[in-house]
């Protein structure tokens, strides 16, 4: 489907290696699902009544990367990229597209947030914690949450991509 490399996570390794590898596996999976499509295809909704698009998923996951790795893990005071968190649903923004938004721009922002996330994690142990919701959340928990977030959205991306051009797999 694309020339994007998606290395298989190792079958053995320590916990940190496996968590990093699985998160990167799903990041690459989403990139592959978006490859070789134009802005119109990337902004095509899955099926009524859902407004979910591949472009929106990339924006959303940039927002999620920023939230968990920069705001929560490091305590950095960065503003939302695509609008505030929806207090009613508890979802980070990004799903909705603006007419000015291009996929290339969204993809660059997403990649920048991934790079910032990797940098934030590099000097931390899995047991390191940060304040969250009146308690403490570990880097391990954040990794597991992010893997599940990506896995769920890669499933959405599978369905959207199949709807857009019939491509399946990966």
N, C-alpha and C. Protein backbone atom coordinates (compact mmCIF):
# COMPACT_ATOMS: atom_id res chain seq x y z
N UNK A 1 0.82 -1.20 0.00
CA UNK A 1 0.00 0.00 0.00
C UNK A 1 0.85 1.26 0.00
N UNK A 2 2.07 1.21 0.59
CA UNK A 2 2.93 2.38 0.58
C UNK A 2 4.37 1.98 0.77
N UNK A 3 5.25 2.94 0.67
CA UNK A 3 6.67 2.70 0.90
C UNK A 3 7.07 2.97 2.33
N UNK A 4 6.11 3.21 3.22
CA UNK A 4 6.41 3.49 4.62
C UNK A 4 6.80 2.20 5.31
N UNK A 5 7.92 2.25 6.03
CA UNK A 5 8.39 1.07 6.74
C UNK A 5 7.64 0.93 8.06
N UNK A 6 7.20 -0.28 8.34
CA UNK A 6 6.53 -0.58 9.60
C UNK A 6 7.18 -1.83 10.17
N UNK A 7 8.25 -1.64 10.97
CA UNK A 7 8.93 -2.80 11.52
C UNK A 7 8.05 -3.54 12.52
N UNK A 8 8.10 -4.85 12.45
CA UNK A 8 7.38 -5.69 13.39
C UNK A 8 8.04 -5.56 14.76
N UNK A 9 7.24 -5.35 15.81
CA UNK A 9 7.84 -5.31 17.16
C UNK A 9 8.54 -6.63 17.46
N UNK A 10 9.62 -6.58 18.23
CA UNK A 10 10.35 -7.81 18.54
C UNK A 10 9.47 -8.78 19.32
N UNK A 11 9.73 -10.04 19.15
CA UNK A 11 8.97 -11.08 19.85
C UNK A 11 9.44 -11.24 21.29
N UNK A 12 10.60 -10.71 21.59
CA UNK A 12 11.08 -10.69 22.97
C UNK A 12 11.83 -9.38 23.18
N UNK A 13 12.09 -9.07 24.38
CA UNK A 13 12.76 -7.82 24.71
C UNK A 13 12.23 -7.34 26.04
N UNK A 14 12.90 -6.35 26.58
CA UNK A 14 12.41 -5.85 27.86
C UNK A 14 11.14 -5.02 27.64
N UNK A 15 10.49 -4.72 28.72
CA UNK A 15 9.19 -4.04 28.66
C UNK A 15 9.26 -2.72 27.91
N UNK A 16 10.28 -1.94 28.16
CA UNK A 16 10.39 -0.62 27.52
C UNK A 16 10.55 -0.77 26.02
N UNK A 17 11.39 -1.69 25.59
CA UNK A 17 11.60 -1.92 24.17
C UNK A 17 10.28 -2.32 23.50
N UNK A 18 9.53 -3.21 24.15
CA UNK A 18 8.26 -3.66 23.58
C UNK A 18 7.23 -2.55 23.53
N UNK A 19 7.13 -1.75 24.59
CA UNK A 19 6.16 -0.64 24.59
C UNK A 19 6.49 0.38 23.51
N UNK A 20 7.76 0.75 23.40
CA UNK A 20 8.18 1.68 22.34
C UNK A 20 7.87 1.10 20.97
N UNK A 21 8.19 -0.17 20.77
CA UNK A 21 8.01 -0.80 19.46
C UNK A 21 6.54 -0.89 19.08
N UNK A 22 5.68 -1.27 20.03
CA UNK A 22 4.26 -1.37 19.69
C UNK A 22 3.63 -0.01 19.42
N UNK A 23 4.04 1.00 20.16
CA UNK A 23 3.51 2.34 19.89
C UNK A 23 3.97 2.81 18.51
N UNK A 24 5.24 2.60 18.19
CA UNK A 24 5.73 2.98 16.86
C UNK A 24 5.07 2.16 15.74
N UNK A 25 4.79 0.90 16.01
CA UNK A 25 4.09 0.05 15.04
C UNK A 25 2.74 0.67 14.67
N UNK A 26 1.99 1.09 15.66
CA UNK A 26 0.67 1.67 15.39
C UNK A 26 0.77 3.06 14.78
N UNK A 27 1.77 3.82 15.17
CA UNK A 27 1.98 5.12 14.51
C UNK A 27 2.23 4.91 13.02
N UNK A 28 3.08 3.93 12.70
CA UNK A 28 3.38 3.63 11.29
C UNK A 28 2.16 3.09 10.57
N UNK A 29 1.35 2.29 11.26
CA UNK A 29 0.14 1.75 10.65
C UNK A 29 -0.78 2.88 10.20
N UNK A 30 -0.97 3.87 11.05
CA UNK A 30 -1.82 5.00 10.66
C UNK A 30 -1.22 5.75 9.48
N UNK A 31 0.08 5.96 9.49
CA UNK A 31 0.73 6.65 8.36
C UNK A 31 0.51 5.87 7.06
N UNK A 32 0.62 4.55 7.13
CA UNK A 32 0.41 3.72 5.94
C UNK A 32 -1.03 3.84 5.45
N UNK A 33 -1.97 3.85 6.37
CA UNK A 33 -3.39 3.96 5.98
C UNK A 33 -3.67 5.29 5.27
N UNK A 34 -2.87 6.31 5.55
CA UNK A 34 -3.07 7.63 4.94
C UNK A 34 -2.25 7.83 3.67
N UNK A 35 -1.32 6.94 3.41
CA UNK A 35 -0.39 7.10 2.29
C UNK A 35 -1.11 6.99 0.95
N UNK A 36 -0.59 7.73 -0.01
CA UNK A 36 -1.01 7.67 -1.42
C UNK A 36 -2.45 8.15 -1.66
N UNK A 37 -2.98 8.93 -0.72
CA UNK A 37 -4.31 9.52 -0.92
C UNK A 37 -4.16 11.04 -1.03
N UNK A 38 -5.08 11.67 -1.75
CA UNK A 38 -5.04 13.13 -1.85
C UNK A 38 -5.87 13.76 -0.72
N UNK A 39 -5.83 15.09 -0.62
CA UNK A 39 -6.54 15.78 0.46
C UNK A 39 -8.04 15.50 0.46
N UNK A 40 -8.62 15.36 -0.71
CA UNK A 40 -10.06 15.07 -0.77
C UNK A 40 -10.34 13.69 -0.19
N UNK A 41 -9.56 12.70 -0.58
CA UNK A 41 -9.75 11.34 -0.06
C UNK A 41 -9.48 11.28 1.45
N UNK A 42 -8.44 11.98 1.89
CA UNK A 42 -8.09 11.99 3.31
C UNK A 42 -9.15 12.69 4.16
N UNK A 43 -9.93 13.54 3.51
CA UNK A 43 -10.99 14.28 4.21
C UNK A 43 -12.38 13.72 3.94
N UNK A 44 -12.44 12.55 3.34
CA UNK A 44 -13.72 11.89 3.06
C UNK A 44 -14.17 11.14 4.30
N UNK A 45 -15.40 11.42 4.72
CA UNK A 45 -15.95 10.77 5.90
C UNK A 45 -16.22 9.30 5.63
N UNK A 46 -16.16 8.54 6.71
CA UNK A 46 -16.33 7.09 6.59
C UNK A 46 -17.69 6.74 5.99
N UNK A 47 -18.75 7.05 6.66
CA UNK A 47 -20.10 6.78 6.17
C UNK A 47 -21.07 7.51 7.09
N UNK A 48 -22.13 8.04 6.52
CA UNK A 48 -23.12 8.75 7.34
C UNK A 48 -23.64 7.84 8.44
N UNK A 49 -23.85 8.36 9.61
CA UNK A 49 -23.76 9.76 10.02
C UNK A 49 -22.40 10.16 10.56
N UNK A 50 -21.40 9.28 10.53
CA UNK A 50 -20.09 9.58 11.11
C UNK A 50 -19.31 10.57 10.27
N UNK A 51 -18.75 11.61 10.90
CA UNK A 51 -17.90 12.55 10.18
C UNK A 51 -16.41 12.16 10.23
N UNK A 52 -16.09 10.98 10.72
CA UNK A 52 -14.71 10.54 10.93
C UNK A 52 -13.95 10.43 9.60
N UNK A 53 -12.76 11.03 9.55
CA UNK A 53 -11.90 10.99 8.37
C UNK A 53 -10.48 10.59 8.77
N UNK A 54 -9.69 10.18 7.80
CA UNK A 54 -8.28 9.89 8.06
C UNK A 54 -7.55 11.16 8.50
N UNK A 55 -7.82 12.25 7.84
CA UNK A 55 -7.23 13.53 8.19
C UNK A 55 -7.56 13.88 9.64
N UNK A 56 -8.83 13.71 10.01
CA UNK A 56 -9.25 13.99 11.38
C UNK A 56 -8.58 13.07 12.40
N UNK A 57 -8.37 11.81 12.03
CA UNK A 57 -7.67 10.90 12.94
C UNK A 57 -6.24 11.35 13.19
N UNK A 58 -5.56 11.81 12.14
CA UNK A 58 -4.18 12.29 12.31
C UNK A 58 -4.16 13.53 13.21
N UNK A 59 -5.09 14.44 12.98
CA UNK A 59 -5.17 15.63 13.83
C UNK A 59 -5.44 15.23 15.28
N UNK A 60 -6.40 14.34 15.48
CA UNK A 60 -6.76 13.89 16.82
C UNK A 60 -5.57 13.24 17.52
N UNK A 61 -4.85 12.39 16.81
CA UNK A 61 -3.73 11.70 17.45
C UNK A 61 -2.57 12.65 17.72
N UNK A 62 -2.41 13.70 16.95
CA UNK A 62 -1.43 14.74 17.30
C UNK A 62 -1.83 15.38 18.62
N UNK A 63 -3.12 15.65 18.76
CA UNK A 63 -3.63 16.24 19.99
C UNK A 63 -3.44 15.31 21.18
N UNK A 64 -3.69 14.02 20.98
CA UNK A 64 -3.54 13.03 22.04
C UNK A 64 -2.06 12.90 22.44
N UNK A 65 -1.17 12.86 21.46
CA UNK A 65 0.27 12.81 21.75
C UNK A 65 0.66 14.03 22.61
N UNK A 66 0.19 15.19 22.21
CA UNK A 66 0.51 16.42 22.94
C UNK A 66 -0.03 16.35 24.36
N UNK A 67 -1.26 15.91 24.50
CA UNK A 67 -1.88 15.87 25.82
C UNK A 67 -1.13 14.95 26.77
N UNK A 68 -0.93 13.70 26.36
CA UNK A 68 -0.36 12.73 27.29
C UNK A 68 1.13 12.92 27.53
N UNK A 69 1.89 13.18 26.47
CA UNK A 69 3.33 13.24 26.66
C UNK A 69 3.84 14.62 27.05
N UNK A 70 3.18 15.67 26.64
CA UNK A 70 3.66 17.01 26.98
C UNK A 70 2.91 17.61 28.16
N UNK A 71 1.60 17.61 28.10
CA UNK A 71 0.84 18.21 29.21
C UNK A 71 0.90 17.34 30.47
N UNK A 72 0.57 16.06 30.33
CA UNK A 72 0.49 15.20 31.51
C UNK A 72 1.88 14.77 31.97
N UNK A 73 2.65 14.13 31.10
CA UNK A 73 3.94 13.57 31.53
C UNK A 73 4.93 14.65 31.97
N UNK A 74 5.10 15.68 31.16
CA UNK A 74 6.11 16.69 31.49
C UNK A 74 5.55 17.91 32.20
N UNK A 75 4.23 18.05 32.22
CA UNK A 75 3.63 19.22 32.87
C UNK A 75 3.78 20.50 32.05
N UNK A 76 4.12 20.35 30.79
CA UNK A 76 4.31 21.51 29.91
C UNK A 76 2.98 22.22 29.67
N UNK A 77 2.99 23.52 29.74
CA UNK A 77 1.77 24.31 29.55
C UNK A 77 1.61 24.67 28.07
N UNK A 78 1.25 23.68 27.26
CA UNK A 78 1.03 23.91 25.84
C UNK A 78 -0.47 23.93 25.57
N UNK A 79 -0.86 24.80 24.69
CA UNK A 79 -2.28 24.91 24.37
C UNK A 79 -2.70 23.80 23.41
N UNK A 80 -4.00 23.54 23.34
CA UNK A 80 -4.47 22.55 22.36
C UNK A 80 -4.14 22.99 20.94
N UNK A 81 -3.96 22.04 20.07
CA UNK A 81 -3.66 22.33 18.67
C UNK A 81 -4.94 22.65 17.92
N UNK A 82 -5.97 21.84 18.15
CA UNK A 82 -7.19 21.92 17.35
C UNK A 82 -8.43 22.29 18.16
N UNK A 83 -8.25 22.81 19.30
CA UNK A 83 -9.38 23.21 20.11
C UNK A 83 -9.39 22.50 21.44
N UNK A 84 -10.19 22.98 22.36
CA UNK A 84 -10.17 22.43 23.72
C UNK A 84 -10.75 21.02 23.79
N UNK A 85 -10.38 20.36 24.84
CA UNK A 85 -10.93 19.03 25.16
C UNK A 85 -12.44 19.19 25.35
N UNK A 86 -13.20 18.24 24.84
CA UNK A 86 -14.65 18.26 24.99
C UNK A 86 -15.01 17.69 26.36
N UNK A 87 -15.44 18.55 27.26
CA UNK A 87 -15.73 18.11 28.63
C UNK A 87 -16.91 17.14 28.71
N UNK A 88 -17.80 17.18 27.72
CA UNK A 88 -18.94 16.27 27.74
C UNK A 88 -18.54 14.85 27.35
N UNK A 89 -17.68 14.73 26.35
CA UNK A 89 -17.28 13.39 25.89
C UNK A 89 -15.95 12.96 26.49
N UNK A 90 -15.15 13.93 26.97
CA UNK A 90 -13.83 13.61 27.47
C UNK A 90 -12.81 13.40 26.38
N UNK A 91 -13.16 13.72 25.12
CA UNK A 91 -12.26 13.50 23.98
C UNK A 91 -11.40 14.72 23.71
N UNK A 92 -10.15 14.45 23.35
CA UNK A 92 -9.30 15.51 22.85
C UNK A 92 -9.81 15.88 21.46
N UNK A 93 -9.51 17.11 21.04
CA UNK A 93 -10.01 17.60 19.75
C UNK A 93 -9.28 17.01 18.57
N UNK A 94 -9.54 17.62 17.41
CA UNK A 94 -8.85 17.25 16.20
C UNK A 94 -9.69 16.54 15.17
N UNK A 95 -10.79 15.94 15.57
CA UNK A 95 -11.59 15.19 14.62
C UNK A 95 -12.20 16.07 13.54
N UNK A 96 -12.61 17.27 13.91
CA UNK A 96 -13.26 18.16 12.94
C UNK A 96 -12.21 18.86 12.08
N UNK A 97 -12.53 18.99 10.79
CA UNK A 97 -11.62 19.63 9.84
C UNK A 97 -12.09 21.04 9.55
N UNK A 98 -11.11 21.93 9.38
CA UNK A 98 -11.46 23.27 8.92
C UNK A 98 -11.13 23.36 7.43
N UNK A 99 -11.73 24.32 6.77
CA UNK A 99 -11.48 24.46 5.33
C UNK A 99 -10.04 24.87 5.04
N UNK A 100 -9.37 25.48 6.02
CA UNK A 100 -7.98 25.91 5.82
C UNK A 100 -6.98 24.79 6.09
N UNK A 101 -7.43 23.71 6.69
CA UNK A 101 -6.54 22.64 7.10
C UNK A 101 -6.14 21.76 5.92
N UNK A 102 -4.85 21.52 5.79
CA UNK A 102 -4.37 20.57 4.79
C UNK A 102 -3.82 19.35 5.51
N UNK A 103 -3.83 18.23 4.84
CA UNK A 103 -3.31 17.02 5.45
C UNK A 103 -1.80 17.14 5.66
N UNK A 104 -1.09 17.74 4.73
CA UNK A 104 0.37 17.88 4.87
C UNK A 104 0.70 18.64 6.15
N UNK A 105 -0.06 19.66 6.43
CA UNK A 105 0.14 20.45 7.65
C UNK A 105 -0.17 19.59 8.88
N UNK A 106 -1.29 18.88 8.85
CA UNK A 106 -1.68 18.02 9.97
C UNK A 106 -0.64 16.93 10.21
N UNK A 107 -0.13 16.35 9.13
CA UNK A 107 0.87 15.29 9.25
C UNK A 107 2.17 15.83 9.85
N UNK A 108 2.57 17.04 9.45
CA UNK A 108 3.79 17.64 10.01
C UNK A 108 3.62 17.91 11.50
N UNK A 109 2.47 18.40 11.89
CA UNK A 109 2.20 18.65 13.31
C UNK A 109 2.23 17.34 14.08
N UNK A 110 1.59 16.31 13.53
CA UNK A 110 1.57 14.98 14.17
C UNK A 110 3.00 14.46 14.35
N UNK A 111 3.82 14.54 13.32
CA UNK A 111 5.20 14.06 13.41
C UNK A 111 6.00 14.86 14.43
N UNK A 112 5.77 16.16 14.51
CA UNK A 112 6.44 16.99 15.53
C UNK A 112 6.03 16.56 16.93
N UNK A 113 4.76 16.25 17.12
CA UNK A 113 4.30 15.81 18.43
C UNK A 113 4.87 14.44 18.78
N UNK A 114 5.02 13.57 17.80
CA UNK A 114 5.65 12.27 18.04
C UNK A 114 7.10 12.47 18.46
N UNK A 115 7.81 13.36 17.78
CA UNK A 115 9.21 13.63 18.15
C UNK A 115 9.30 14.20 19.56
N UNK A 116 8.39 15.09 19.91
CA UNK A 116 8.37 15.66 21.26
C UNK A 116 8.06 14.57 22.29
N UNK A 117 7.16 13.66 21.95
CA UNK A 117 6.82 12.56 22.85
C UNK A 117 8.03 11.67 23.09
N UNK A 118 8.73 11.34 22.03
CA UNK A 118 9.92 10.48 22.17
C UNK A 118 10.97 11.16 23.06
N UNK A 119 11.16 12.46 22.86
CA UNK A 119 12.12 13.20 23.67
C UNK A 119 11.68 13.23 25.14
N UNK A 120 10.39 13.40 25.38
CA UNK A 120 9.88 13.46 26.75
C UNK A 120 10.06 12.12 27.46
N UNK A 121 9.97 11.03 26.73
CA UNK A 121 10.07 9.69 27.32
C UNK A 121 11.52 9.24 27.50
N UNK A 122 12.40 9.74 26.70
CA UNK A 122 13.78 9.22 26.64
C UNK A 122 14.48 9.21 27.99
N UNK A 123 14.30 10.24 28.77
CA UNK A 123 15.03 10.34 30.04
C UNK A 123 14.23 9.82 31.23
N UNK A 124 13.11 9.19 30.97
CA UNK A 124 12.24 8.73 32.06
C UNK A 124 12.17 7.21 32.12
N UNK A 125 11.96 6.73 33.34
CA UNK A 125 11.72 5.31 33.56
C UNK A 125 10.22 5.05 33.49
N UNK A 126 9.85 3.82 33.23
CA UNK A 126 8.44 3.45 33.14
C UNK A 126 7.68 3.70 34.45
N UNK A 127 8.38 3.66 35.57
CA UNK A 127 7.74 3.89 36.86
C UNK A 127 7.66 5.36 37.25
N UNK A 128 8.27 6.25 36.46
CA UNK A 128 8.17 7.68 36.75
C UNK A 128 6.71 8.10 36.65
N UNK A 129 6.29 8.97 37.55
CA UNK A 129 4.90 9.40 37.57
C UNK A 129 4.77 10.91 37.43
N UNK A 130 3.57 11.30 37.07
CA UNK A 130 3.20 12.71 36.95
C UNK A 130 1.81 12.87 37.56
N UNK A 131 1.53 14.06 38.08
CA UNK A 131 0.19 14.28 38.64
C UNK A 131 -0.88 14.19 37.57
N UNK A 132 -1.99 13.52 37.92
CA UNK A 132 -3.11 13.39 36.98
C UNK A 132 -4.38 13.08 37.75
N UNK A 133 -5.39 13.88 37.54
CA UNK A 133 -6.72 13.68 38.11
C UNK A 133 -6.69 13.37 39.61
N UNK A 134 -5.92 14.14 40.35
CA UNK A 134 -5.86 13.97 41.80
C UNK A 134 -5.00 12.82 42.26
N UNK A 135 -4.31 12.17 41.34
CA UNK A 135 -3.42 11.06 41.69
C UNK A 135 -2.14 11.15 40.90
N UNK A 136 -1.54 10.02 40.65
CA UNK A 136 -0.31 9.94 39.88
C UNK A 136 -0.51 8.93 38.76
N UNK A 137 0.03 9.26 37.59
CA UNK A 137 -0.03 8.34 36.46
C UNK A 137 1.42 8.04 36.05
N UNK A 138 1.70 6.76 35.80
CA UNK A 138 3.06 6.36 35.42
C UNK A 138 3.24 6.44 33.91
N UNK A 139 4.50 6.54 33.52
CA UNK A 139 4.81 6.50 32.09
C UNK A 139 4.34 5.17 31.50
N UNK A 140 4.45 4.09 32.24
CA UNK A 140 3.98 2.78 31.77
C UNK A 140 2.50 2.86 31.41
N UNK A 141 1.68 3.44 32.28
CA UNK A 141 0.25 3.58 32.04
C UNK A 141 0.00 4.40 30.78
N UNK A 142 0.77 5.49 30.63
CA UNK A 142 0.60 6.35 29.44
C UNK A 142 0.92 5.57 28.18
N UNK A 143 2.01 4.81 28.19
CA UNK A 143 2.34 3.97 27.02
C UNK A 143 1.19 3.03 26.69
N UNK A 144 0.70 2.33 27.69
CA UNK A 144 -0.39 1.37 27.45
C UNK A 144 -1.64 2.07 26.94
N UNK A 145 -1.95 3.21 27.49
CA UNK A 145 -3.10 3.97 27.02
C UNK A 145 -2.91 4.40 25.56
N UNK A 146 -1.73 4.89 25.24
CA UNK A 146 -1.47 5.35 23.87
C UNK A 146 -1.51 4.19 22.87
N UNK A 147 -1.00 3.04 23.25
CA UNK A 147 -1.07 1.87 22.35
C UNK A 147 -2.53 1.52 22.10
N UNK A 148 -3.35 1.51 23.13
CA UNK A 148 -4.76 1.18 22.94
C UNK A 148 -5.47 2.26 22.13
N UNK A 149 -5.12 3.51 22.34
CA UNK A 149 -5.71 4.62 21.58
C UNK A 149 -5.39 4.47 20.09
N UNK A 150 -4.14 4.23 19.78
CA UNK A 150 -3.74 4.04 18.39
C UNK A 150 -4.37 2.79 17.78
N UNK A 151 -4.39 1.69 18.53
CA UNK A 151 -4.97 0.45 17.99
C UNK A 151 -6.43 0.66 17.62
N UNK A 152 -7.17 1.32 18.50
CA UNK A 152 -8.59 1.59 18.23
C UNK A 152 -8.74 2.45 16.98
N UNK A 153 -7.94 3.52 16.90
CA UNK A 153 -8.07 4.42 15.75
C UNK A 153 -7.51 3.83 14.47
N UNK A 154 -6.56 2.91 14.56
CA UNK A 154 -6.11 2.21 13.35
C UNK A 154 -7.21 1.32 12.81
N UNK A 155 -8.03 0.76 13.68
CA UNK A 155 -9.21 0.02 13.23
C UNK A 155 -10.18 0.92 12.49
N UNK A 156 -10.39 2.13 13.02
CA UNK A 156 -11.22 3.09 12.30
C UNK A 156 -10.60 3.41 10.94
N UNK A 157 -9.28 3.61 10.93
CA UNK A 157 -8.59 3.94 9.69
C UNK A 157 -8.73 2.82 8.66
N UNK A 158 -8.70 1.58 9.10
CA UNK A 158 -8.91 0.44 8.18
C UNK A 158 -10.23 0.58 7.45
N UNK A 159 -11.27 0.86 8.21
CA UNK A 159 -12.61 0.95 7.63
C UNK A 159 -12.76 2.17 6.72
N UNK A 160 -12.19 3.29 7.16
CA UNK A 160 -12.27 4.51 6.33
C UNK A 160 -11.51 4.31 5.02
N UNK A 161 -10.30 3.74 5.11
CA UNK A 161 -9.50 3.54 3.90
C UNK A 161 -10.21 2.60 2.93
N UNK A 162 -10.82 1.55 3.44
CA UNK A 162 -11.55 0.64 2.58
C UNK A 162 -12.70 1.37 1.90
N UNK A 163 -13.37 2.24 2.62
CA UNK A 163 -14.47 3.02 2.07
C UNK A 163 -13.99 3.97 0.99
N UNK A 164 -12.83 4.58 1.19
CA UNK A 164 -12.29 5.58 0.27
C UNK A 164 -11.87 4.96 -1.06
N UNK A 165 -11.05 3.90 -0.99
CA UNK A 165 -10.51 3.36 -2.25
C UNK A 165 -10.48 1.84 -2.32
N UNK A 166 -11.08 1.18 -1.34
CA UNK A 166 -11.14 -0.28 -1.38
C UNK A 166 -9.91 -0.98 -0.84
N UNK A 167 -8.87 -0.23 -0.46
CA UNK A 167 -7.64 -0.85 0.02
C UNK A 167 -7.88 -1.47 1.40
N UNK A 168 -7.39 -2.68 1.57
CA UNK A 168 -7.50 -3.36 2.85
C UNK A 168 -6.13 -3.94 3.21
N UNK A 169 -6.02 -4.36 4.44
CA UNK A 169 -4.78 -4.99 4.89
C UNK A 169 -3.89 -4.03 5.62
N UNK A 170 -2.73 -4.51 5.98
CA UNK A 170 -1.69 -3.80 6.74
C UNK A 170 -2.13 -3.66 8.17
